[in-house]
């Protein structure tokens, strides 16, 4: 039975400028030199990482970096802690720095606040590459939390500056700020959320309401993917989270369904196009 599905890709989905910049830089060097080291996954999307590995991208971690000498290493959009730059200098490593400008600006603000001896609290995901880089600006002294309940068991200073990982939800950030103010803390809230990301929070609801079903395409490691998936689900409960075309099942759809495809800031457009082609075979 043919389903005759009507499939539309959200043209505002796909890579943010920080990811485009990092991947363009990597591809340029891979074209010239045939290989390039990258500190961590260049983007939180397994399919895109596999594509670039096939071109010669070698993913390493901070431990590997310490034993590497006289090589080029790409720093991805998430940014890095000061320690990484120190190791690179000692090991004669040329850093190709593709840190997102929004992340660099945030790192600089956090460092300035910390240097002024003001306590720093960061709303972000534990262990996330960007958050590790942000914490590094404070000699790992900043308090990091991803859920406000974590702060119940922590003795916070009476006054502090609140920052956020750049890909968090703006609404959630301000909710947390108000909650902490209500608890009696003196807070300077520094909203450093990337507007290219937060604007998708605003645009996606308009997109998803036009369809019977939504297919949200994202890597499982993507923080931004988790946030945007919840936005889609809130405004269209018939939303499916997938990472690749093979995750789809015919049983998810009905004859003549109008289907919208969208994704995270780490989801490549070519992958969403593959998902569309797959759906059109039904």
C-alpha atoms as a PDB file:
ATOM      1  CA  UNK A   1       0.000   0.000   0.000  1.00  0.00           C
ATOM      2  CA  UNK A   2       1.299   3.449  -0.906  1.00  0.00           C
ATOM      3  CA  UNK A   3       0.808   6.211   1.678  1.00  0.00           C
ATOM      4  CA  UNK A   4       1.177   9.290  -0.558  1.00  0.00           C
ATOM      5  CA  UNK A   5       2.747  11.285   2.262  1.00  0.00           C
ATOM      6  CA  UNK A   6       3.201  15.040   1.809  1.00  0.00           C
ATOM      7  CA  UNK A   7       6.646  15.838   3.242  1.00  0.00           C
ATOM      8  CA  UNK A   8       8.094  19.309   3.964  1.00  0.00           C
ATOM      9  CA  UNK A   9      11.493  20.208   5.468  1.00  0.00           C
ATOM     10  CA  UNK A  10      11.705  23.235   7.766  1.00  0.00           C
ATOM     11  CA  UNK A  11      14.136  25.518   5.924  1.00  0.00           C
ATOM     12  CA  UNK A  12      15.090  27.266   9.193  1.00  0.00           C
ATOM     13  CA  UNK A  13      16.361  24.002  10.701  1.00  0.00           C
ATOM     14  CA  UNK A  14      19.903  22.710  10.292  1.00  0.00           C
ATOM     15  CA  UNK A  15      23.335  23.947  11.294  1.00  0.00           C
ATOM     16  CA  UNK A  16      23.786  27.214  13.155  1.00  0.00           C
ATOM     17  CA  UNK A  17      26.538  29.534  11.875  1.00  0.00           C
ATOM     18  CA  UNK A  18      29.034  28.299  14.516  1.00  0.00           C
ATOM     19  CA  UNK A  19      28.783  24.711  13.275  1.00  0.00           C
ATOM     20  CA  UNK A  20      28.885  25.765   9.588  1.00  0.00           C
ATOM     21  CA  UNK A  21      32.086  27.733  10.327  1.00  0.00           C
ATOM     22  CA  UNK A  22      33.779  24.769  12.071  1.00  0.00           C
ATOM     23  CA  UNK A  23      32.823  22.246   9.371  1.00  0.00           C
ATOM     24  CA  UNK A  24      33.852  24.560   6.506  1.00  0.00           C
ATOM     25  CA  UNK A  25      37.230  25.044   8.178  1.00  0.00           C
ATOM     26  CA  UNK A  26      37.685  21.299   8.693  1.00  0.00           C
ATOM     27  CA  UNK A  27      36.714  20.454   5.104  1.00  0.00           C
ATOM     28  CA  UNK A  28      39.133  23.027   3.707  1.00  0.00           C
ATOM     29  CA  UNK A  29      42.088  21.500   5.590  1.00  0.00           C
ATOM     30  CA  UNK A  30      40.986  17.905   4.849  1.00  0.00           C
ATOM     31  CA  UNK A  31      40.871  18.815   1.146  1.00  0.00           C
ATOM     32  CA  UNK A  32      44.441  20.174   1.284  1.00  0.00           C
ATOM     33  CA  UNK A  33      46.111  17.775   3.696  1.00  0.00           C
ATOM     34  CA  UNK A  34      44.018  14.591   3.768  1.00  0.00           C
ATOM     35  CA  UNK A  35      43.691  14.451   7.553  1.00  0.00           C
ATOM     36  CA  UNK A  36      43.015  16.688  10.557  1.00  0.00           C
ATOM     37  CA  UNK A  37      42.762  16.075  14.295  1.00  0.00           C
ATOM     38  CA  UNK A  38      39.634  17.393  16.026  1.00  0.00           C
ATOM     39  CA  UNK A  39      39.273  17.746  19.791  1.00  0.00           C
ATOM     40  CA  UNK A  40      35.978  15.928  20.499  1.00  0.00           C
ATOM     41  CA  UNK A  41      33.132  15.288  18.046  1.00  0.00           C
ATOM     42  CA  UNK A  42      33.050  18.260  15.676  1.00  0.00           C
ATOM     43  CA  UNK A  43      29.257  18.348  16.072  1.00  0.00           C
ATOM     44  CA  UNK A  44      26.839  16.319  18.204  1.00  0.00           C
ATOM     45  CA  UNK A  45      25.570  14.360  15.224  1.00  0.00           C
ATOM     46  CA  UNK A  46      26.931  10.866  14.570  1.00  0.00           C
ATOM     47  CA  UNK A  47      25.985  10.817  10.872  1.00  0.00           C
ATOM     48  CA  UNK A  48      27.913  14.043  10.152  1.00  0.00           C
ATOM     49  CA  UNK A  49      30.908  12.814  12.184  1.00  0.00           C
ATOM     50  CA  UNK A  50      30.963   9.561  10.143  1.00  0.00           C
ATOM     51  CA  UNK A  51      30.882  11.605   6.899  1.00  0.00           C
ATOM     52  CA  UNK A  52      33.859  13.736   7.981  1.00  0.00           C
ATOM     53  CA  UNK A  53      35.831  10.787   9.363  1.00  0.00           C
ATOM     54  CA  UNK A  54      35.610   9.251   5.883  1.00  0.00           C
ATOM     55  CA  UNK A  55      37.360  12.405   4.607  1.00  0.00           C
ATOM     56  CA  UNK A  56      40.177  11.992   7.143  1.00  0.00           C
ATOM     57  CA  UNK A  57      38.950  13.707  10.342  1.00  0.00           C
ATOM     58  CA  UNK A  58      40.519  12.068  13.419  1.00  0.00           C
ATOM     59  CA  UNK A  59      38.615  12.591  16.674  1.00  0.00           C
ATOM     60  CA  UNK A  60      40.809  12.824  19.786  1.00  0.00           C
ATOM     61  CA  UNK A  61      40.183  13.782  23.424  1.00  0.00           C
ATOM     62  CA  UNK A  62      42.107  15.972  25.875  1.00  0.00           C
ATOM     63  CA  UNK A  63      44.089  12.969  27.112  1.00  0.00           C
ATOM     64  CA  UNK A  64      45.279  12.206  23.533  1.00  0.00           C
ATOM     65  CA  UNK A  65      46.203  15.868  23.068  1.00  0.00           C
ATOM     66  CA  UNK A  66      48.853  15.610  25.776  1.00  0.00           C
ATOM     67  CA  UNK A  67      50.790  12.998  23.800  1.00  0.00           C
ATOM     68  CA  UNK A  68      50.406  14.721  20.406  1.00  0.00           C
ATOM     69  CA  UNK A  69      53.209  16.925  19.040  1.00  0.00           C
ATOM     70  CA  UNK A  70      53.786  19.152  15.975  1.00  0.00           C
ATOM     71  CA  UNK A  71      50.277  18.656  14.532  1.00  0.00           C
ATOM     72  CA  UNK A  72      47.225  20.729  13.621  1.00  0.00           C
ATOM     73  CA  UNK A  73      44.181  20.325  15.879  1.00  0.00           C
ATOM     74  CA  UNK A  74      40.734  21.794  15.336  1.00  0.00           C
ATOM     75  CA  UNK A  75      38.838  23.293  18.278  1.00  0.00           C
ATOM     76  CA  UNK A  76      35.139  22.908  17.492  1.00  0.00           C
ATOM     77  CA  UNK A  77      32.358  25.461  18.009  1.00  0.00           C
ATOM     78  CA  UNK A  78      31.846  24.468  21.684  1.00  0.00           C
ATOM     79  CA  UNK A  79      35.154  26.119  22.690  1.00  0.00           C
ATOM     80  CA  UNK A  80      37.832  24.888  25.096  1.00  0.00           C
ATOM     81  CA  UNK A  81      39.239  25.611  28.559  1.00  0.00           C
ATOM     82  CA  UNK A  82      42.511  27.597  28.992  1.00  0.00           C
ATOM     83  CA  UNK A  83      44.369  24.343  29.834  1.00  0.00           C
ATOM     84  CA  UNK A  84      43.952  23.155  26.198  1.00  0.00           C
ATOM     85  CA  UNK A  85      45.773  26.226  24.844  1.00  0.00           C
ATOM     86  CA  UNK A  86      48.564  25.690  27.379  1.00  0.00           C
ATOM     87  CA  UNK A  87      49.082  22.050  26.294  1.00  0.00           C
ATOM     88  CA  UNK A  88      49.063  23.091  22.614  1.00  0.00           C
ATOM     89  CA  UNK A  89      51.790  25.654  23.265  1.00  0.00           C
ATOM     90  CA  UNK A  90      53.951  23.133  25.130  1.00  0.00           C
ATOM     91  CA  UNK A  91      53.544  20.467  22.398  1.00  0.00           C
ATOM     92  CA  UNK A  92      54.002  22.780  19.401  1.00  0.00           C
ATOM     93  CA  UNK A  93      50.432  22.088  18.250  1.00  0.00           C
ATOM     94  CA  UNK A  94      48.823  24.520  15.815  1.00  0.00           C
ATOM     95  CA  UNK A  95      45.245  25.122  16.962  1.00  0.00           C
ATOM     96  CA  UNK A  96      42.662  25.768  14.262  1.00  0.00           C
ATOM     97  CA  UNK A  97      40.253  27.619  16.524  1.00  0.00           C
ATOM     98  CA  UNK A  98      36.664  27.321  15.302  1.00  0.00           C
ATOM     99  CA  UNK A  99      35.141  28.277  18.673  1.00  0.00           C
ATOM    100  CA  UNK A 100      31.783  29.933  18.097  1.00  0.00           C
ATOM    101  CA  UNK A 101      31.996  33.742  18.602  1.00  0.00           C
ATOM    102  CA  UNK A 102      28.949  33.560  20.915  1.00  0.00           C
ATOM    103  CA  UNK A 103      30.755  30.994  23.110  1.00  0.00           C
ATOM    104  CA  UNK A 104      34.013  33.014  23.103  1.00  0.00           C
ATOM    105  CA  UNK A 105      32.137  36.129  24.221  1.00  0.00           C
ATOM    106  CA  UNK A 106      30.539  34.128  27.043  1.00  0.00           C
ATOM    107  CA  UNK A 107      33.906  32.646  28.100  1.00  0.00           C
ATOM    108  CA  UNK A 108      35.348  36.151  28.251  1.00  0.00           C
ATOM    109  CA  UNK A 109      32.461  37.477  30.381  1.00  0.00           C
ATOM    110  CA  UNK A 110      32.767  34.570  32.821  1.00  0.00           C
ATOM    111  CA  UNK A 111      36.535  35.022  33.110  1.00  0.00           C
ATOM    112  CA  UNK A 112      36.098  38.776  33.738  1.00  0.00           C
ATOM    113  CA  UNK A 113      33.470  38.105  36.438  1.00  0.00           C
ATOM    114  CA  UNK A 114      35.661  35.459  38.089  1.00  0.00           C
ATOM    115  CA  UNK A 115      38.782  37.673  37.926  1.00  0.00           C
ATOM    116  CA  UNK A 116      36.756  40.370  39.716  1.00  0.00           C
ATOM    117  CA  UNK A 117      36.258  37.742  42.463  1.00  0.00           C
ATOM    118  CA  UNK A 118      32.509  37.566  41.977  1.00  0.00           C
ATOM    119  CA  UNK A 119      30.996  34.061  42.355  1.00  0.00           C
ATOM    120  CA  UNK A 120      29.789  32.442  39.114  1.00  0.00           C
ATOM    121  CA  UNK A 121      26.867  30.002  38.751  1.00  0.00           C
ATOM    122  CA  UNK A 122      26.243  28.322  35.373  1.00  0.00           C
ATOM    123  CA  UNK A 123      22.996  26.785  34.127  1.00  0.00           C
ATOM    124  CA  UNK A 124      24.268  24.031  31.843  1.00  0.00           C
ATOM    125  CA  UNK A 125      24.632  20.325  31.210  1.00  0.00           C
ATOM    126  CA  UNK A 126      27.231  18.526  33.354  1.00  0.00           C
ATOM    127  CA  UNK A 127      30.116  17.232  31.267  1.00  0.00           C
ATOM    128  CA  UNK A 128      29.041  19.093  28.108  1.00  0.00           C
ATOM    129  CA  UNK A 129      32.030  20.319  26.058  1.00  0.00           C
ATOM    130  CA  UNK A 130      30.909  23.949  26.167  1.00  0.00           C
ATOM    131  CA  UNK A 131      30.289  23.842  29.923  1.00  0.00           C
ATOM    132  CA  UNK A 132      33.737  22.295  30.595  1.00  0.00           C
ATOM    133  CA  UNK A 133      35.243  25.209  28.642  1.00  0.00           C
ATOM    134  CA  UNK A 134      33.177  27.733  30.616  1.00  0.00           C
ATOM    135  CA  UNK A 135      34.115  26.215  33.959  1.00  0.00           C
ATOM    136  CA  UNK A 136      37.751  26.305  32.907  1.00  0.00           C
ATOM    137  CA  UNK A 137      37.554  30.122  32.816  1.00  0.00           C
ATOM    138  CA  UNK A 138      36.983  30.012  36.592  1.00  0.00           C
ATOM    139  CA  UNK A 139      39.661  27.392  37.472  1.00  0.00           C
ATOM    140  CA  UNK A 140      36.672  25.020  37.815  1.00  0.00           C
ATOM    141  CA  UNK A 141      35.350  27.051  40.775  1.00  0.00           C
ATOM    142  CA  UNK A 142      31.964  27.909  39.194  1.00  0.00           C
ATOM    143  CA  UNK A 143      28.883  26.031  40.385  1.00  0.00           C
ATOM    144  CA  UNK A 144      27.226  24.181  37.477  1.00  0.00           C
ATOM    145  CA  UNK A 145      23.658  22.842  37.616  1.00  0.00           C
ATOM    146  CA  UNK A 146      21.303  21.493  34.977  1.00  0.00           C
ATOM    147  CA  UNK A 147      18.244  21.275  37.204  1.00  0.00           C
ATOM    148  CA  UNK A 148      17.272  23.778  39.888  1.00  0.00           C
ATOM    149  CA  UNK A 149      16.621  20.925  42.362  1.00  0.00           C
ATOM    150  CA  UNK A 150      20.411  20.352  42.458  1.00  0.00           C
ATOM    151  CA  UNK A 151      20.805  23.728  44.161  1.00  0.00           C
ATOM    152  CA  UNK A 152      18.723  22.614  47.171  1.00  0.00           C
ATOM    153  CA  UNK A 153      21.738  20.775  48.597  1.00  0.00           C
ATOM    154  CA  UNK A 154      24.364  23.371  47.714  1.00  0.00           C
ATOM    155  CA  UNK A 155      25.253  26.366  49.844  1.00  0.00           C
ATOM    156  CA  UNK A 156      25.318  29.227  47.362  1.00  0.00           C
ATOM    157  CA  UNK A 157      26.823  32.638  48.111  1.00  0.00           C
ATOM    158  CA  UNK A 158      24.250  35.343  48.905  1.00  0.00           C
ATOM    159  CA  UNK A 159      25.148  37.262  45.732  1.00  0.00           C
ATOM    160  CA  UNK A 160      26.397  35.817  42.421  1.00  0.00           C
ATOM    161  CA  UNK A 161      26.278  36.169  38.633  1.00  0.00           C
ATOM    162  CA  UNK A 162      24.120  33.636  36.794  1.00  0.00           C
ATOM    163  CA  UNK A 163      25.195  32.529  33.311  1.00  0.00           C
ATOM    164  CA  UNK A 164      23.803  29.942  30.910  1.00  0.00           C
ATOM    165  CA  UNK A 165      25.185  27.506  28.366  1.00  0.00           C
ATOM    166  CA  UNK A 166      24.466  29.147  24.986  1.00  0.00           C
ATOM    167  CA  UNK A 167      22.026  26.443  23.788  1.00  0.00           C
ATOM    168  CA  UNK A 168      19.683  26.403  26.788  1.00  0.00           C
ATOM    169  CA  UNK A 169      16.054  27.547  26.684  1.00  0.00           C
ATOM    170  CA  UNK A 170      15.643  31.310  27.288  1.00  0.00           C
ATOM    171  CA  UNK A 171      12.308  30.784  29.087  1.00  0.00           C
ATOM    172  CA  UNK A 172      13.893  28.218  31.415  1.00  0.00           C
ATOM    173  CA  UNK A 173      16.818  30.568  32.172  1.00  0.00           C
ATOM    174  CA  UNK A 174      14.450  33.361  33.273  1.00  0.00           C
ATOM    175  CA  UNK A 175      12.282  30.934  35.260  1.00  0.00           C
ATOM    176  CA  UNK A 176      15.400  29.886  37.187  1.00  0.00           C
ATOM    177  CA  UNK A 177      16.460  33.500  37.692  1.00  0.00           C
ATOM    178  CA  UNK A 178      13.035  34.412  39.181  1.00  0.00           C
ATOM    179  CA  UNK A 179      12.966  31.302  41.369  1.00  0.00           C
ATOM    180  CA  UNK A 180      16.427  32.063  42.809  1.00  0.00           C
ATOM    181  CA  UNK A 181      15.516  35.737  43.343  1.00  0.00           C
ATOM    182  CA  UNK A 182      12.381  34.569  45.217  1.00  0.00           C
ATOM    183  CA  UNK A 183      14.665  32.458  47.415  1.00  0.00           C
ATOM    184  CA  UNK A 184      16.414  35.660  48.488  1.00  0.00           C
ATOM    185  CA  UNK A 185      19.614  35.576  46.425  1.00  0.00           C
ATOM    186  CA  UNK A 186      21.029  38.735  44.873  1.00  0.00           C
ATOM    187  CA  UNK A 187      21.507  37.785  41.236  1.00  0.00           C
ATOM    188  CA  UNK A 188      23.054  39.463  38.238  1.00  0.00           C
ATOM    189  CA  UNK A 189      21.512  37.435  35.396  1.00  0.00           C
ATOM    190  CA  UNK A 190      23.694  37.443  32.306  1.00  0.00           C
ATOM    191  CA  UNK A 191      21.593  36.112  29.435  1.00  0.00           C
ATOM    192  CA  UNK A 192      24.161  34.663  27.027  1.00  0.00           C
ATOM    193  CA  UNK A 193      21.859  32.291  25.142  1.00  0.00           C
ATOM    194  CA  UNK A 194      22.483  32.249  21.399  1.00  0.00           C
ATOM    195  CA  UNK A 195      19.636  34.048  19.665  1.00  0.00           C
ATOM    196  CA  UNK A 196      19.959  31.860  16.585  1.00  0.00           C
ATOM    197  CA  UNK A 197      19.115  28.953  18.884  1.00  0.00           C
ATOM    198  CA  UNK A 198      16.481  30.694  21.015  1.00  0.00           C
ATOM    199  CA  UNK A 199      14.694  32.090  17.941  1.00  0.00           C
ATOM    200  CA  UNK A 200      14.081  28.505  16.857  1.00  0.00           C
ATOM    201  CA  UNK A 201      12.124  28.060  20.096  1.00  0.00           C
ATOM    202  CA  UNK A 202       9.833  30.794  18.751  1.00  0.00           C
ATOM    203  CA  UNK A 203       9.697  29.684  15.088  1.00  0.00           C
ATOM    204  CA  UNK A 204       9.245  25.924  15.535  1.00  0.00           C
ATOM    205  CA  UNK A 205       5.760  26.108  17.151  1.00  0.00           C
ATOM    206  CA  UNK A 206       4.489  27.933  14.041  1.00  0.00           C
ATOM    207  CA  UNK A 207       6.025  25.280  11.771  1.00  0.00           C
ATOM    208  CA  UNK A 208       4.885  22.140  13.621  1.00  0.00           C
ATOM    209  CA  UNK A 209       1.227  23.211  13.879  1.00  0.00           C
ATOM    210  CA  UNK A 210       0.837  22.829  10.098  1.00  0.00           C
ATOM    211  CA  UNK A 211       1.364  19.043  10.044  1.00  0.00           C
ATOM    212  CA  UNK A 212      -0.271  15.758  11.077  1.00  0.00           C
ATOM    213  CA  UNK A 213       3.098  14.324  12.152  1.00  0.00           C
ATOM    214  CA  UNK A 214       6.521  15.796  12.869  1.00  0.00           C
ATOM    215  CA  UNK A 215       9.816  13.956  12.377  1.00  0.00           C
ATOM    216  CA  UNK A 216      12.498  15.620  14.494  1.00  0.00           C
ATOM    217  CA  UNK A 217      16.030  14.672  13.376  1.00  0.00           C
ATOM    218  CA  UNK A 218      18.894  15.019  15.863  1.00  0.00           C
ATOM    219  CA  UNK A 219      21.899  13.287  17.354  1.00  0.00           C
ATOM    220  CA  UNK A 220      21.178  11.766  20.765  1.00  0.00           C
ATOM    221  CA  UNK A 221      24.072  13.741  22.349  1.00  0.00           C
ATOM    222  CA  UNK A 222      22.747  17.136  21.252  1.00  0.00           C
ATOM    223  CA  UNK A 223      21.563  19.324  24.172  1.00  0.00           C
ATOM    224  CA  UNK A 224      19.945  21.698  21.728  1.00  0.00           C
ATOM    225  CA  UNK A 225      18.220  18.727  20.078  1.00  0.00           C
ATOM    226  CA  UNK A 226      16.614  17.709  23.375  1.00  0.00           C
ATOM    227  CA  UNK A 227      15.348  21.260  23.989  1.00  0.00           C
ATOM    228  CA  UNK A 228      13.932  21.731  20.468  1.00  0.00           C
ATOM    229  CA  UNK A 229      12.366  18.256  20.402  1.00  0.00           C
ATOM    230  CA  UNK A 230      10.398  19.150  23.566  1.00  0.00           C
ATOM    231  CA  UNK A 231       9.293  22.421  21.914  1.00  0.00           C
ATOM    232  CA  UNK A 232       7.970  20.427  18.931  1.00  0.00           C
ATOM    233  CA  UNK A 233       6.247  17.836  21.122  1.00  0.00           C
ATOM    234  CA  UNK A 234       4.569  20.530  23.213  1.00  0.00           C
ATOM    235  CA  UNK A 235       2.967  22.092  20.122  1.00  0.00           C
ATOM    236  CA  UNK A 236       2.422  18.863  18.174  1.00  0.00           C
ATOM    237  CA  UNK A 237       2.272  15.698  20.337  1.00  0.00           C
ATOM    238  CA  UNK A 238       2.615  13.539  17.190  1.00  0.00           C
ATOM    239  CA  UNK A 239       6.371  14.222  17.071  1.00  0.00           C
ATOM    240  CA  UNK A 240       8.928  11.449  16.555  1.00  0.00           C
ATOM    241  CA  UNK A 241      12.619  11.802  17.521  1.00  0.00           C
ATOM    242  CA  UNK A 242      14.974  10.027  15.094  1.00  0.00           C
ATOM    243  CA  UNK A 243      18.727  10.142  14.392  1.00  0.00           C
ATOM    244  CA  UNK A 244      18.760   8.540  10.925  1.00  0.00           C
ATOM    245  CA  UNK A 245      16.306   7.421   8.208  1.00  0.00           C
ATOM    246  CA  UNK A 246      16.398   3.770   9.372  1.00  0.00           C
ATOM    247  CA  UNK A 247      14.802   4.810  12.700  1.00  0.00           C
ATOM    248  CA  UNK A 248      11.548   5.427  10.825  1.00  0.00           C
ATOM    249  CA  UNK A 249       8.768   2.829  10.665  1.00  0.00           C
ATOM    250  CA  UNK A 250       5.888   2.780   8.224  1.00  0.00           C
ATOM    251  CA  UNK A 251       3.474   2.130  11.094  1.00  0.00           C
ATOM    252  CA  UNK A 252       4.114   5.663  12.427  1.00  0.00           C
ATOM    253  CA  UNK A 253       2.169   7.165   9.510  1.00  0.00           C
ATOM    254  CA  UNK A 254      -1.251   7.075   7.855  1.00  0.00           C
ATOM    255  CA  UNK A 255      -2.403   7.453   4.269  1.00  0.00           C
ATOM    256  CA  UNK A 256      -2.084  11.067   3.066  1.00  0.00           C
ATOM    257  CA  UNK A 257      -0.366  12.388   6.236  1.00  0.00           C
ATOM    258  CA  UNK A 258       1.185  15.841   6.008  1.00  0.00           C
ATOM    259  CA  UNK A 259       4.641  15.443   7.572  1.00  0.00           C
ATOM    260  CA  UNK A 260       7.037  18.165   8.702  1.00  0.00           C
ATOM    261  CA  UNK A 261      10.756  17.455   9.133  1.00  0.00           C
ATOM    262  CA  UNK A 262      12.875  19.651  11.400  1.00  0.00           C
ATOM    263  CA  UNK A 263      16.062  19.330  13.426  1.00  0.00           C
ATOM    264  CA  UNK A 264      18.620  20.706  15.854  1.00  0.00           C
ATOM    265  CA  UNK A 265      21.348  23.290  15.218  1.00  0.00           C
ATOM    266  CA  UNK A 266      23.685  20.274  14.907  1.00  0.00           C
ATOM    267  CA  UNK A 267      21.552  18.454  12.299  1.00  0.00           C
ATOM    268  CA  UNK A 268      22.879  18.644   8.720  1.00  0.00           C
ATOM    269  CA  UNK A 269      20.412  19.561   5.973  1.00  0.00           C
ATOM    270  CA  UNK A 270      21.625  16.595   3.870  1.00  0.00           C
ATOM    271  CA  UNK A 271      20.430  14.232   6.623  1.00  0.00           C
ATOM    272  CA  UNK A 272      16.956  15.815   6.721  1.00  0.00           C
ATOM    273  CA  UNK A 273      16.823  15.468   2.926  1.00  0.00           C
ATOM    274  CA  UNK A 274      17.659  11.747   3.261  1.00  0.00           C
ATOM    275  CA  UNK A 275      14.815  11.382   5.783  1.00  0.00           C
ATOM    276  CA  UNK A 276      12.443  13.096   3.312  1.00  0.00           C
ATOM    277  CA  UNK A 277      13.527  10.737   0.491  1.00  0.00           C
ATOM    278  CA  UNK A 278      13.006   7.746   2.789  1.00  0.00           C
ATOM    279  CA  UNK A 279       9.484   8.894   3.714  1.00  0.00           C
ATOM    280  CA  UNK A 280       8.625   9.419   0.070  1.00  0.00           C
ATOM    281  CA  UNK A 281       9.334   5.725  -0.637  1.00  0.00           C
ATOM    282  CA  UNK A 282       6.328   4.773   1.544  1.00  0.00           C
END
